[in-house]
Amino acid sequence: MKKSNNSLKAALFPRKCFICGDFTVSPYCLCDECSTKFNMIYETTCKSCGLTVNFCQCEEYCYHFESVVSAFKNEGAPQKGIYALKFGGKIDTANYYGEILSQIISKKYRGIDFDVITEIPMTAISKRGRGYNQAELIAKVIGKKLNIPHQSLLKKRMFVKTQHNLSRDDRFFNIFGKFKIANGVTIRGKRVLLCDDIKTTGATLDEAARILRLAGAKEVWCATALITYKF
């Protein structure tokens, strides 16, 4: 019965590619042609900031997290897909990014046993307006794929100025003190996997990791769908 219901649902509501809009049978809502536009980052990257050697930021900043891994550069089709997820309501897109990140985490973080997976939070007003937190959706997919318990560990304080139009250094200053540990959360001695949709300068991940570490987290490792090279 369940199989027939799924078939009926697929017939009535066929999937569409989140890039071009054409119909597709892919469970990740990405057609074969558009999937060729998603080029994973295969170059050797810095184990700390997640960028390639020529773009490494580690001489400029000392991060509170252990490492960052990312699936794609923040450009082209991967960027368009994230924007469709964030601003276009294409929540099924999270399944694709979560699947790819799960593969990368399994490889690059091999041997690391995570106690919990969490995400960069949104303010309550922003989440209500959008209806979901895209980073949370991706984190839940990863958690399910890798059998890591998911928990929303952080809260974002209200009235935080947007980061979009700020300089690199101003981003670190603007986000400082804007996160807090959620009520009832206990993470002392735990190894945390922190997820977000895009790493730009690393300021948001760094501040979140700082708060998690202050709350007693043993280590904080990061994973993002996209990473920015041209800032």
N, C-alpha and C. Protein backbone atom coordinates (compact mmCIF):
# COMPACT_ATOMS: atom_id res chain seq x y z
N MET A 1 0.82 -1.20 0.00
CA MET A 1 0.00 0.00 0.00
C MET A 1 0.86 1.26 0.00
N LYS A 2 1.91 1.26 0.84
CA LYS A 2 2.78 2.43 0.92
C LYS A 2 3.45 2.70 -0.42
N LYS A 3 3.90 1.62 -1.13
CA LYS A 3 4.55 1.78 -2.42
C LYS A 3 3.60 2.38 -3.43
N SER A 4 2.35 1.92 -3.42
CA SER A 4 1.37 2.43 -4.37
C SER A 4 1.03 3.89 -4.07
N ASN A 5 1.01 4.25 -2.78
CA ASN A 5 0.75 5.64 -2.40
C ASN A 5 1.88 6.54 -2.89
N ASN A 6 3.11 6.05 -2.77
CA ASN A 6 4.26 6.82 -3.25
C ASN A 6 4.21 7.00 -4.76
N SER A 7 3.78 5.95 -5.47
CA SER A 7 3.68 6.03 -6.93
C SER A 7 2.61 7.04 -7.33
N LEU A 8 1.50 7.03 -6.61
CA LEU A 8 0.43 7.98 -6.89
C LEU A 8 0.88 9.41 -6.62
N LYS A 9 1.60 9.59 -5.52
CA LYS A 9 2.12 10.92 -5.17
C LYS A 9 3.09 11.42 -6.25
N ALA A 10 3.96 10.49 -6.73
CA ALA A 10 4.93 10.87 -7.76
C ALA A 10 4.23 11.26 -9.06
N ALA A 11 3.09 10.58 -9.35
CA ALA A 11 2.35 10.88 -10.58
C ALA A 11 1.63 12.23 -10.47
N LEU A 12 1.08 12.50 -9.30
CA LEU A 12 0.33 13.74 -9.10
C LEU A 12 1.24 14.94 -8.87
N PHE A 13 2.37 14.69 -8.22
CA PHE A 13 3.30 15.77 -7.89
C PHE A 13 4.71 15.38 -8.34
N PRO A 14 4.96 15.36 -9.64
CA PRO A 14 6.29 14.95 -10.15
C PRO A 14 7.37 15.92 -9.69
N ARG A 15 8.54 15.35 -9.47
CA ARG A 15 9.68 16.16 -9.02
C ARG A 15 10.19 17.04 -10.15
N LYS A 16 10.68 18.21 -9.75
CA LYS A 16 11.30 19.13 -10.71
C LYS A 16 12.71 19.46 -10.26
N CYS A 17 13.59 19.59 -11.20
CA CYS A 17 14.98 19.93 -10.92
C CYS A 17 15.04 21.32 -10.29
N PHE A 18 15.76 21.44 -9.18
CA PHE A 18 15.80 22.72 -8.49
C PHE A 18 16.70 23.74 -9.19
N ILE A 19 17.38 23.33 -10.25
CA ILE A 19 18.19 24.27 -11.03
C ILE A 19 17.45 24.75 -12.27
N CYS A 20 17.02 23.83 -13.12
CA CYS A 20 16.40 24.23 -14.40
C CYS A 20 14.87 24.15 -14.40
N GLY A 21 14.29 23.42 -13.46
CA GLY A 21 12.84 23.32 -13.39
C GLY A 21 12.24 22.20 -14.20
N ASP A 22 13.07 21.45 -14.95
CA ASP A 22 12.55 20.32 -15.73
C ASP A 22 12.17 19.16 -14.81
N PHE A 23 11.27 18.31 -15.29
CA PHE A 23 10.86 17.15 -14.51
C PHE A 23 12.03 16.16 -14.40
N THR A 24 12.11 15.50 -13.25
CA THR A 24 13.17 14.53 -13.01
C THR A 24 12.67 13.42 -12.10
N VAL A 25 13.25 12.24 -12.24
CA VAL A 25 12.90 11.13 -11.36
C VAL A 25 13.87 11.04 -10.19
N SER A 26 14.87 11.90 -10.17
CA SER A 26 15.87 11.87 -9.11
C SER A 26 15.25 12.18 -7.75
N PRO A 27 15.56 11.39 -6.73
CA PRO A 27 15.03 11.68 -5.39
C PRO A 27 15.60 12.97 -4.81
N TYR A 28 16.68 13.50 -5.45
CA TYR A 28 17.30 14.73 -4.97
C TYR A 28 16.86 15.94 -5.78
N CYS A 29 15.86 15.76 -6.65
CA CYS A 29 15.30 16.87 -7.44
C CYS A 29 16.38 17.60 -8.24
N LEU A 30 17.26 16.82 -8.86
CA LEU A 30 18.32 17.38 -9.69
C LEU A 30 18.44 16.52 -10.94
N CYS A 31 18.23 17.10 -12.11
CA CYS A 31 18.26 16.33 -13.35
C CYS A 31 19.69 15.95 -13.72
N ASP A 32 19.83 15.00 -14.60
CA ASP A 32 21.16 14.50 -14.99
C ASP A 32 22.03 15.59 -15.59
N GLU A 33 21.41 16.42 -16.43
CA GLU A 33 22.20 17.47 -17.08
C GLU A 33 22.71 18.49 -16.07
N CYS A 34 21.87 18.91 -15.17
CA CYS A 34 22.28 19.92 -14.18
C CYS A 34 23.26 19.34 -13.15
N SER A 35 23.18 18.05 -12.91
CA SER A 35 24.10 17.44 -11.94
C SER A 35 25.55 17.57 -12.40
N THR A 36 25.76 17.69 -13.71
CA THR A 36 27.13 17.84 -14.22
C THR A 36 27.71 19.22 -13.90
N LYS A 37 26.86 20.15 -13.47
CA LYS A 37 27.32 21.50 -13.13
C LYS A 37 27.76 21.60 -11.67
N PHE A 38 27.61 20.50 -10.94
CA PHE A 38 28.00 20.48 -9.53
C PHE A 38 29.35 19.79 -9.40
N ASN A 39 30.39 20.59 -9.33
CA ASN A 39 31.75 20.06 -9.25
C ASN A 39 32.25 20.13 -7.80
N MET A 40 32.38 18.97 -7.20
CA MET A 40 32.84 18.93 -5.82
C MET A 40 34.28 19.43 -5.72
N ILE A 41 34.66 19.88 -4.54
CA ILE A 41 36.01 20.39 -4.32
C ILE A 41 36.94 19.20 -4.11
N TYR A 42 37.78 18.95 -5.10
CA TYR A 42 38.70 17.82 -5.03
C TYR A 42 40.12 18.23 -4.65
N GLU A 43 40.41 19.54 -4.72
CA GLU A 43 41.75 19.99 -4.38
C GLU A 43 42.05 19.76 -2.90
N THR A 44 43.32 19.66 -2.58
CA THR A 44 43.72 19.54 -1.18
C THR A 44 43.42 20.85 -0.48
N THR A 45 42.73 20.79 0.64
CA THR A 45 42.35 22.00 1.36
C THR A 45 42.97 22.02 2.75
N CYS A 46 43.08 23.23 3.30
CA CYS A 46 43.60 23.40 4.65
C CYS A 46 42.69 22.67 5.63
N LYS A 47 43.27 21.93 6.55
CA LYS A 47 42.47 21.17 7.50
C LYS A 47 41.75 22.07 8.50
N SER A 48 42.18 23.32 8.59
CA SER A 48 41.55 24.24 9.54
C SER A 48 40.47 25.09 8.88
N CYS A 49 40.86 25.97 7.95
CA CYS A 49 39.90 26.91 7.38
C CYS A 49 39.10 26.34 6.22
N GLY A 50 39.54 25.21 5.64
CA GLY A 50 38.79 24.57 4.58
C GLY A 50 39.06 25.09 3.19
N LEU A 51 39.97 26.07 3.06
CA LEU A 51 40.31 26.64 1.76
C LEU A 51 41.57 26.01 1.20
N THR A 52 41.77 26.16 -0.11
CA THR A 52 43.00 25.64 -0.71
C THR A 52 44.18 26.50 -0.26
N VAL A 53 45.38 26.00 -0.49
CA VAL A 53 46.59 26.62 0.04
C VAL A 53 46.69 28.10 -0.32
N ASN A 54 46.41 28.45 -1.57
CA ASN A 54 46.56 29.83 -2.03
C ASN A 54 45.57 30.80 -1.38
N PHE A 55 44.53 30.26 -0.76
CA PHE A 55 43.50 31.10 -0.16
C PHE A 55 43.42 30.93 1.36
N CYS A 56 44.30 30.15 1.95
CA CYS A 56 44.26 29.83 3.37
C CYS A 56 44.21 31.10 4.23
N GLN A 57 43.33 31.10 5.24
CA GLN A 57 43.13 32.26 6.11
C GLN A 57 43.75 32.07 7.50
N CYS A 58 44.44 30.98 7.70
CA CYS A 58 44.85 30.63 9.06
C CYS A 58 45.94 31.55 9.64
N GLU A 59 46.63 32.29 8.78
CA GLU A 59 47.59 33.27 9.30
C GLU A 59 46.88 34.52 9.81
N GLU A 60 45.65 34.73 9.34
CA GLU A 60 44.88 35.90 9.75
C GLU A 60 44.02 35.63 10.98
N TYR A 61 43.51 34.42 11.09
CA TYR A 61 42.57 34.11 12.16
C TYR A 61 42.93 32.80 12.86
N CYS A 62 42.66 32.79 14.15
CA CYS A 62 42.82 31.57 14.94
C CYS A 62 41.41 31.13 15.35
N TYR A 63 40.91 30.10 14.71
CA TYR A 63 39.52 29.70 14.91
C TYR A 63 39.32 28.86 16.17
N HIS A 64 38.07 28.87 16.65
CA HIS A 64 37.71 28.06 17.81
C HIS A 64 37.26 26.66 17.41
N PHE A 65 37.10 26.42 16.11
CA PHE A 65 36.73 25.08 15.65
C PHE A 65 37.98 24.33 15.18
N GLU A 66 37.84 23.03 15.05
CA GLU A 66 38.96 22.18 14.65
C GLU A 66 39.22 22.25 13.15
N SER A 67 38.14 22.22 12.38
CA SER A 67 38.30 22.09 10.93
C SER A 67 36.98 22.41 10.23
N VAL A 68 37.08 22.68 8.93
CA VAL A 68 35.90 22.87 8.09
C VAL A 68 36.04 22.03 6.83
N VAL A 69 34.97 21.34 6.46
CA VAL A 69 34.91 20.70 5.14
C VAL A 69 33.69 21.23 4.42
N SER A 70 33.80 21.36 3.11
CA SER A 70 32.70 21.89 2.30
C SER A 70 32.57 21.08 1.03
N ALA A 71 31.37 21.10 0.46
CA ALA A 71 31.11 20.31 -0.74
C ALA A 71 31.46 21.05 -2.02
N PHE A 72 31.04 22.31 -2.12
CA PHE A 72 31.19 23.06 -3.37
C PHE A 72 31.66 24.49 -3.11
N LYS A 73 32.23 25.10 -4.13
CA LYS A 73 32.54 26.52 -4.06
C LYS A 73 31.24 27.32 -4.19
N ASN A 74 31.23 28.47 -3.57
CA ASN A 74 30.03 29.31 -3.54
C ASN A 74 29.90 30.10 -4.85
N GLU A 75 29.49 29.39 -5.88
CA GLU A 75 29.34 29.99 -7.20
C GLU A 75 28.52 29.06 -8.09
N GLY A 76 28.06 29.58 -9.21
CA GLY A 76 27.39 28.76 -10.22
C GLY A 76 26.17 28.01 -9.73
N ALA A 77 26.00 26.80 -10.25
CA ALA A 77 24.83 25.98 -9.93
C ALA A 77 24.72 25.65 -8.44
N PRO A 78 25.82 25.30 -7.74
CA PRO A 78 25.70 25.03 -6.31
C PRO A 78 25.15 26.21 -5.53
N GLN A 79 25.59 27.42 -5.89
CA GLN A 79 25.08 28.63 -5.23
C GLN A 79 23.59 28.81 -5.55
N LYS A 80 23.22 28.60 -6.80
CA LYS A 80 21.82 28.74 -7.21
C LYS A 80 20.94 27.76 -6.43
N GLY A 81 21.47 26.57 -6.21
CA GLY A 81 20.71 25.57 -5.46
C GLY A 81 20.49 25.97 -4.02
N ILE A 82 21.51 26.53 -3.39
CA ILE A 82 21.38 26.98 -2.00
C ILE A 82 20.40 28.14 -1.90
N TYR A 83 20.45 29.05 -2.88
CA TYR A 83 19.51 30.16 -2.88
C TYR A 83 18.07 29.66 -3.07
N ALA A 84 17.91 28.60 -3.87
CA ALA A 84 16.58 28.01 -4.05
C ALA A 84 16.09 27.42 -2.73
N LEU A 85 17.01 26.87 -1.96
CA LEU A 85 16.67 26.31 -0.66
C LEU A 85 16.35 27.42 0.34
N LYS A 86 17.19 28.45 0.38
CA LYS A 86 17.04 29.51 1.38
C LYS A 86 15.86 30.44 1.09
N PHE A 87 15.71 30.81 -0.17
CA PHE A 87 14.76 31.86 -0.50
C PHE A 87 13.61 31.41 -1.39
N GLY A 88 13.72 30.20 -1.96
CA GLY A 88 12.69 29.74 -2.89
C GLY A 88 11.80 28.64 -2.35
N GLY A 89 12.00 28.24 -1.10
CA GLY A 89 11.16 27.22 -0.50
C GLY A 89 11.40 25.81 -1.01
N LYS A 90 12.52 25.60 -1.73
CA LYS A 90 12.82 24.28 -2.29
C LYS A 90 13.50 23.41 -1.22
N ILE A 91 12.72 22.97 -0.22
CA ILE A 91 13.31 22.29 0.93
C ILE A 91 13.88 20.91 0.59
N ASP A 92 13.37 20.30 -0.48
CA ASP A 92 13.91 18.99 -0.89
C ASP A 92 15.38 19.11 -1.31
N THR A 93 15.80 20.32 -1.65
CA THR A 93 17.19 20.55 -2.03
C THR A 93 18.15 20.18 -0.91
N ALA A 94 17.70 20.29 0.33
CA ALA A 94 18.53 19.94 1.49
C ALA A 94 18.96 18.49 1.45
N ASN A 95 18.14 17.63 0.84
CA ASN A 95 18.50 16.21 0.75
C ASN A 95 19.75 16.00 -0.09
N TYR A 96 19.86 16.78 -1.15
CA TYR A 96 21.03 16.64 -2.02
C TYR A 96 22.29 17.10 -1.33
N TYR A 97 22.25 18.30 -0.76
CA TYR A 97 23.44 18.81 -0.08
C TYR A 97 23.80 17.96 1.13
N GLY A 98 22.80 17.48 1.84
CA GLY A 98 23.06 16.61 2.98
C GLY A 98 23.70 15.30 2.58
N GLU A 99 23.26 14.74 1.45
CA GLU A 99 23.83 13.48 0.95
C GLU A 99 25.29 13.67 0.56
N ILE A 100 25.60 14.73 -0.19
CA ILE A 100 26.97 14.98 -0.62
C ILE A 100 27.87 15.25 0.58
N LEU A 101 27.40 16.07 1.52
CA LEU A 101 28.21 16.36 2.70
C LEU A 101 28.44 15.12 3.55
N SER A 102 27.47 14.24 3.60
CA SER A 102 27.64 12.99 4.35
C SER A 102 28.80 12.18 3.79
N GLN A 103 28.91 12.12 2.47
CA GLN A 103 30.00 11.40 1.83
C GLN A 103 31.35 12.05 2.16
N ILE A 104 31.38 13.38 2.12
CA ILE A 104 32.63 14.10 2.39
C ILE A 104 33.04 13.96 3.85
N ILE A 105 32.09 14.07 4.75
CA ILE A 105 32.38 13.93 6.18
C ILE A 105 32.90 12.52 6.48
N SER A 106 32.28 11.52 5.86
CA SER A 106 32.72 10.14 6.08
C SER A 106 34.16 9.94 5.66
N LYS A 107 34.58 10.66 4.62
CA LYS A 107 35.94 10.52 4.10
C LYS A 107 36.94 11.39 4.87
N LYS A 108 36.64 12.69 4.98
CA LYS A 108 37.60 13.63 5.55
C LYS A 108 37.62 13.62 7.07
N TYR A 109 36.53 13.20 7.69
CA TYR A 109 36.49 13.10 9.15
C TYR A 109 36.45 11.64 9.59
N ARG A 110 37.05 10.80 8.77
CA ARG A 110 37.06 9.37 9.07
C ARG A 110 37.72 9.11 10.43
N GLY A 111 37.11 8.26 11.22
CA GLY A 111 37.67 7.90 12.51
C GLY A 111 37.25 8.81 13.65
N ILE A 112 36.52 9.89 13.33
CA ILE A 112 36.05 10.81 14.36
C ILE A 112 34.62 10.43 14.75
N ASP A 113 34.41 10.16 16.00
CA ASP A 113 33.08 9.78 16.49
C ASP A 113 32.39 11.02 17.07
N PHE A 114 31.37 11.47 16.37
CA PHE A 114 30.64 12.65 16.82
C PHE A 114 29.52 12.26 17.78
N ASP A 115 29.39 13.03 18.84
CA ASP A 115 28.34 12.77 19.82
C ASP A 115 27.02 13.41 19.42
N VAL A 116 27.09 14.51 18.68
CA VAL A 116 25.88 15.24 18.31
C VAL A 116 26.17 16.08 17.08
N ILE A 117 25.13 16.29 16.27
CA ILE A 117 25.23 17.19 15.13
C ILE A 117 24.24 18.33 15.35
N THR A 118 24.67 19.55 15.05
CA THR A 118 23.81 20.72 15.25
C THR A 118 24.02 21.68 14.09
N GLU A 119 23.35 22.83 14.16
CA GLU A 119 23.39 23.79 13.06
C GLU A 119 23.53 25.21 13.57
N ILE A 120 23.93 26.10 12.68
CA ILE A 120 23.91 27.53 12.96
C ILE A 120 22.44 27.95 13.05
N PRO A 121 22.03 28.58 14.15
CA PRO A 121 20.61 28.91 14.31
C PRO A 121 20.21 30.19 13.60
N MET A 122 18.92 30.37 13.43
CA MET A 122 18.34 31.62 12.96
C MET A 122 17.61 32.26 14.15
N THR A 123 17.31 33.56 14.06
CA THR A 123 16.45 34.15 15.08
C THR A 123 15.06 33.54 14.94
N ALA A 124 14.30 33.57 16.02
CA ALA A 124 12.95 33.00 15.99
C ALA A 124 12.08 33.67 14.94
N ILE A 125 12.23 34.99 14.80
CA ILE A 125 11.43 35.73 13.81
C ILE A 125 11.79 35.30 12.39
N SER A 126 13.10 35.18 12.11
CA SER A 126 13.54 34.79 10.77
C SER A 126 13.08 33.38 10.43
N LYS A 127 13.16 32.48 11.40
CA LYS A 127 12.75 31.10 11.14
C LYS A 127 11.24 31.02 10.92
N ARG A 128 10.49 31.79 11.68
CA ARG A 128 9.05 31.81 11.50
C ARG A 128 8.68 32.34 10.12
N GLY A 129 9.40 33.39 9.69
CA GLY A 129 9.11 33.98 8.39
C GLY A 129 9.42 33.05 7.24
N ARG A 130 10.54 32.32 7.34
CA ARG A 130 10.93 31.41 6.27
C ARG A 130 10.21 30.07 6.38
N GLY A 131 9.91 29.68 7.61
CA GLY A 131 9.22 28.41 7.84
C GLY A 131 10.15 27.28 8.19
N TYR A 132 11.45 27.50 8.10
CA TYR A 132 12.44 26.48 8.39
C TYR A 132 13.82 27.12 8.43
N ASN A 133 14.78 26.38 8.97
CA ASN A 133 16.18 26.78 8.95
C ASN A 133 16.90 25.84 8.00
N GLN A 134 17.39 26.35 6.89
CA GLN A 134 18.01 25.50 5.87
C GLN A 134 19.21 24.73 6.41
N ALA A 135 19.98 25.33 7.32
CA ALA A 135 21.13 24.64 7.90
C ALA A 135 20.67 23.46 8.76
N GLU A 136 19.55 23.64 9.43
CA GLU A 136 18.98 22.57 10.25
C GLU A 136 18.52 21.40 9.37
N LEU A 137 17.89 21.72 8.25
CA LEU A 137 17.43 20.66 7.34
C LEU A 137 18.62 19.83 6.84
N ILE A 138 19.69 20.51 6.46
CA ILE A 138 20.88 19.81 5.98
C ILE A 138 21.49 18.97 7.10
N ALA A 139 21.57 19.54 8.30
CA ALA A 139 22.15 18.82 9.44
C ALA A 139 21.37 17.55 9.76
N LYS A 140 20.06 17.63 9.67
CA LYS A 140 19.23 16.46 9.97
C LYS A 140 19.45 15.34 8.95
N VAL A 141 19.62 15.73 7.68
CA VAL A 141 19.91 14.72 6.65
C VAL A 141 21.24 14.03 6.95
N ILE A 142 22.25 14.82 7.27
CA ILE A 142 23.57 14.26 7.59
C ILE A 142 23.49 13.36 8.81
N GLY A 143 22.78 13.83 9.83
CA GLY A 143 22.65 13.03 11.05
C GLY A 143 22.01 11.68 10.79
N LYS A 144 20.99 11.68 9.94
CA LYS A 144 20.31 10.43 9.60
C LYS A 144 21.22 9.52 8.80
N LYS A 145 21.95 10.10 7.85
CA LYS A 145 22.84 9.30 7.00
C LYS A 145 23.99 8.69 7.79
N LEU A 146 24.54 9.46 8.73
CA LEU A 146 25.74 9.02 9.46
C LEU A 146 25.44 8.53 10.86
N ASN A 147 24.16 8.45 11.18
CA ASN A 147 23.74 7.94 12.50
C ASN A 147 24.32 8.78 13.64
N ILE A 148 24.21 10.11 13.50
CA ILE A 148 24.65 11.05 14.53
C ILE A 148 23.40 11.73 15.09
N PRO A 149 23.17 11.67 16.39
CA PRO A 149 21.99 12.31 16.96
C PRO A 149 21.97 13.81 16.68
N HIS A 150 20.82 14.32 16.25
CA HIS A 150 20.69 15.75 16.00
C HIS A 150 20.07 16.46 17.19
N GLN A 151 20.60 17.64 17.49
CA GLN A 151 20.03 18.47 18.53
C GLN A 151 20.35 19.93 18.22
N SER A 152 19.37 20.80 18.35
CA SER A 152 19.61 22.23 18.16
C SER A 152 20.20 22.78 19.45
N LEU A 153 21.51 23.00 19.44
CA LEU A 153 22.23 23.37 20.66
C LEU A 153 22.27 24.87 20.92
N LEU A 154 22.11 25.65 19.86
CA LEU A 154 22.31 27.10 19.97
C LEU A 154 21.04 27.88 19.68
N LYS A 155 20.98 29.07 20.26
CA LYS A 155 19.94 30.04 19.96
C LYS A 155 20.62 31.31 19.47
N LYS A 156 19.97 32.01 18.55
CA LYS A 156 20.51 33.28 18.07
C LYS A 156 19.73 34.42 18.70
N ARG A 157 20.44 35.35 19.25
CA ARG A 157 19.79 36.49 19.89
C ARG A 157 19.09 37.35 18.84
N MET A 158 18.07 38.05 19.27
CA MET A 158 17.29 38.88 18.35
C MET A 158 18.07 40.12 17.94
N PHE A 159 17.63 40.73 16.84
CA PHE A 159 18.15 42.01 16.36
C PHE A 159 19.64 41.94 16.04
N VAL A 160 20.01 40.95 15.28
CA VAL A 160 21.39 40.82 14.81
C VAL A 160 21.46 41.43 13.41
N LYS A 161 22.36 42.38 13.23
CA LYS A 161 22.53 43.01 11.92
C LYS A 161 23.00 41.97 10.91
N THR A 162 22.41 41.99 9.73
CA THR A 162 22.80 41.02 8.70
C THR A 162 24.27 41.15 8.34
N GLN A 163 24.88 40.02 7.99
CA GLN A 163 26.31 39.98 7.67
C GLN A 163 26.60 40.33 6.21
N HIS A 164 25.59 40.31 5.36
CA HIS A 164 25.79 40.30 3.91
C HIS A 164 26.68 41.43 3.38
N ASN A 165 26.47 42.63 3.87
CA ASN A 165 27.17 43.77 3.29
C ASN A 165 28.35 44.25 4.15
N LEU A 166 28.78 43.43 5.09
CA LEU A 166 29.86 43.83 5.99
C LEU A 166 31.22 43.37 5.47
N SER A 167 32.26 44.07 5.87
CA SER A 167 33.62 43.68 5.51
C SER A 167 34.00 42.42 6.29
N ARG A 168 35.14 41.85 5.92
CA ARG A 168 35.60 40.62 6.56
C ARG A 168 35.73 40.80 8.08
N ASP A 169 36.46 41.83 8.52
CA ASP A 169 36.68 42.02 9.95
C ASP A 169 35.39 42.42 10.67
N ASP A 170 34.55 43.22 10.01
CA ASP A 170 33.30 43.64 10.62
C ASP A 170 32.36 42.46 10.87
N ARG A 171 32.48 41.44 10.05
CA ARG A 171 31.65 40.25 10.25
C ARG A 171 31.96 39.57 11.59
N PHE A 172 33.23 39.49 11.94
CA PHE A 172 33.62 38.89 13.22
C PHE A 172 33.10 39.74 14.38
N PHE A 173 33.21 41.06 14.26
CA PHE A 173 32.75 41.96 15.30
C PHE A 173 31.23 41.92 15.44
N ASN A 174 30.53 41.90 14.31
CA ASN A 174 29.07 41.95 14.31
C ASN A 174 28.43 40.72 14.95
N ILE A 175 29.03 39.55 14.72
CA ILE A 175 28.41 38.31 15.19
C ILE A 175 28.82 37.97 16.62
N PHE A 176 29.82 38.67 17.16
CA PHE A 176 30.31 38.35 18.51
C PHE A 176 29.20 38.53 19.54
N GLY A 177 28.99 37.50 20.36
CA GLY A 177 28.00 37.55 21.43
C GLY A 177 26.57 37.34 20.98
N LYS A 178 26.37 36.98 19.72
CA LYS A 178 25.01 36.87 19.20
C LYS A 178 24.41 35.47 19.35
N PHE A 179 25.19 34.49 19.81
CA PHE A 179 24.67 33.15 20.05
C PHE A 179 24.68 32.83 21.54
N LYS A 180 23.80 31.94 21.94
CA LYS A 180 23.79 31.43 23.31
C LYS A 180 23.38 29.96 23.29
N ILE A 181 23.72 29.25 24.34
CA ILE A 181 23.34 27.84 24.43
C ILE A 181 21.85 27.75 24.71
N ALA A 182 21.18 26.84 24.03
CA ALA A 182 19.75 26.64 24.23
C ALA A 182 19.47 26.11 25.64
N ASN A 183 18.31 26.39 26.15
CA ASN A 183 17.93 25.95 27.48
C ASN A 183 17.96 24.43 27.60
N GLY A 184 18.53 23.95 28.68
CA GLY A 184 18.53 22.51 28.95
C GLY A 184 19.60 21.72 28.23
N VAL A 185 20.45 22.40 27.46
CA VAL A 185 21.49 21.70 26.69
C VAL A 185 22.70 21.41 27.57
N THR A 186 23.18 20.17 27.51
CA THR A 186 24.40 19.76 28.22
C THR A 186 25.34 19.12 27.21
N ILE A 187 26.49 19.74 26.98
CA ILE A 187 27.41 19.21 25.97
C ILE A 187 28.83 19.06 26.50
N ARG A 188 29.00 19.11 27.80
CA ARG A 188 30.35 19.02 28.36
C ARG A 188 31.02 17.70 27.95
N GLY A 189 32.21 17.84 27.38
CA GLY A 189 32.98 16.66 26.98
C GLY A 189 32.55 16.05 25.66
N LYS A 190 31.60 16.68 24.95
CA LYS A 190 31.09 16.09 23.72
C LYS A 190 31.81 16.64 22.49
N ARG A 191 31.85 15.80 21.47
CA ARG A 191 32.43 16.19 20.18
C ARG A 191 31.28 16.57 19.26
N VAL A 192 31.26 17.84 18.80
CA VAL A 192 30.12 18.39 18.07
C VAL A 192 30.45 18.57 16.59
N LEU A 193 29.51 18.19 15.73
CA LEU A 193 29.60 18.47 14.30
C LEU A 193 28.63 19.62 14.02
N LEU A 194 29.18 20.76 13.60
CA LEU A 194 28.41 21.99 13.39
C LEU A 194 28.20 22.23 11.90
N CYS A 195 26.96 22.43 11.49
CA CYS A 195 26.65 22.57 10.06
C CYS A 195 26.08 23.95 9.72
N ASP A 196 26.38 24.40 8.51
CA ASP A 196 25.79 25.61 7.98
C ASP A 196 25.69 25.48 6.47
N ASP A 197 24.96 26.39 5.84
CA ASP A 197 24.81 26.31 4.39
C ASP A 197 26.04 26.87 3.66
N ILE A 198 26.54 28.04 4.13
CA ILE A 198 27.66 28.69 3.44
C ILE A 198 28.70 29.18 4.45
N LYS A 199 29.97 28.90 4.18
CA LYS A 199 31.06 29.54 4.92
C LYS A 199 31.59 30.67 4.06
N THR A 200 31.52 31.89 4.59
CA THR A 200 32.04 33.04 3.86
C THR A 200 33.41 33.41 4.42
N THR A 201 33.44 34.04 5.58
CA THR A 201 34.73 34.33 6.23
C THR A 201 35.03 33.34 7.35
N GLY A 202 34.01 32.63 7.80
CA GLY A 202 34.17 31.74 8.94
C GLY A 202 33.78 32.39 10.25
N ALA A 203 33.36 33.66 10.22
CA ALA A 203 33.02 34.39 11.44
C ALA A 203 31.85 33.75 12.19
N THR A 204 30.82 33.37 11.47
CA THR A 204 29.64 32.77 12.10
C THR A 204 29.97 31.42 12.72
N LEU A 205 30.67 30.57 11.98
CA LEU A 205 31.07 29.28 12.51
C LEU A 205 31.98 29.45 13.72
N ASP A 206 32.89 30.41 13.65
CA ASP A 206 33.83 30.63 14.73
C ASP A 206 33.13 31.05 16.01
N GLU A 207 32.18 31.98 15.91
CA GLU A 207 31.46 32.44 17.09
C GLU A 207 30.61 31.33 17.69
N ALA A 208 29.96 30.55 16.82
CA ALA A 208 29.17 29.42 17.31
C ALA A 208 30.06 28.40 18.01
N ALA A 209 31.22 28.14 17.43
CA ALA A 209 32.16 27.19 18.03
C ALA A 209 32.67 27.72 19.37
N ARG A 210 32.90 29.01 19.46
CA ARG A 210 33.37 29.62 20.72
C ARG A 210 32.36 29.40 21.85
N ILE A 211 31.10 29.62 21.54
CA ILE A 211 30.06 29.44 22.56
C ILE A 211 29.93 27.96 22.95
N LEU A 212 30.02 27.09 21.96
CA LEU A 212 29.95 25.65 22.25
C LEU A 212 31.11 25.21 23.12
N ARG A 213 32.29 25.74 22.84
CA ARG A 213 33.47 25.40 23.64
C ARG A 213 33.34 25.96 25.06
N LEU A 214 32.82 27.16 25.19
CA LEU A 214 32.61 27.75 26.52
C LEU A 214 31.61 26.91 27.34
N ALA A 215 30.67 26.28 26.63
CA ALA A 215 29.68 25.45 27.31
C ALA A 215 30.22 24.06 27.64
N GLY A 216 31.47 23.80 27.24
CA GLY A 216 32.09 22.54 27.63
C GLY A 216 32.31 21.53 26.53
N ALA A 217 31.97 21.90 25.28
CA ALA A 217 32.20 20.96 24.18
C ALA A 217 33.68 20.62 24.09
N LYS A 218 33.99 19.37 23.88
CA LYS A 218 35.37 18.92 23.78
C LYS A 218 36.01 19.42 22.49
N GLU A 219 35.30 19.27 21.38
CA GLU A 219 35.77 19.70 20.07
C GLU A 219 34.57 20.12 19.23
N VAL A 220 34.82 21.03 18.29
CA VAL A 220 33.79 21.43 17.34
C VAL A 220 34.38 21.32 15.94
N TRP A 221 33.75 20.49 15.12
CA TRP A 221 34.14 20.29 13.73
C TRP A 221 33.02 20.83 12.85
N CYS A 222 33.36 21.40 11.72
CA CYS A 222 32.36 22.09 10.90
C CYS A 222 32.21 21.48 9.51
N ALA A 223 31.01 21.63 8.96
CA ALA A 223 30.72 21.20 7.59
C ALA A 223 29.73 22.17 6.98
N THR A 224 30.03 22.63 5.77
CA THR A 224 29.11 23.55 5.07
C THR A 224 28.89 23.07 3.64
N ALA A 225 27.73 23.38 3.11
CA ALA A 225 27.45 22.98 1.73
C ALA A 225 28.35 23.74 0.77
N LEU A 226 28.51 25.05 0.98
CA LEU A 226 29.32 25.88 0.11
C LEU A 226 30.40 26.60 0.90
N ILE A 227 31.48 26.98 0.21
CA ILE A 227 32.54 27.77 0.82
C ILE A 227 32.92 28.88 -0.15
N THR A 228 33.11 30.08 0.36
CA THR A 228 33.39 31.25 -0.47
C THR A 228 34.88 31.45 -0.67
N TYR A 229 35.28 31.63 -1.91
CA TYR A 229 36.67 31.92 -2.25
C TYR A 229 36.84 33.38 -2.64
N LYS A 230 35.86 33.95 -3.30
CA LYS A 230 35.95 35.34 -3.74
C LYS A 230 35.08 36.20 -2.84
N PHE A 231 35.73 36.88 -1.88
CA PHE A 231 34.97 37.72 -0.95
C PHE A 231 35.26 39.18 -1.23
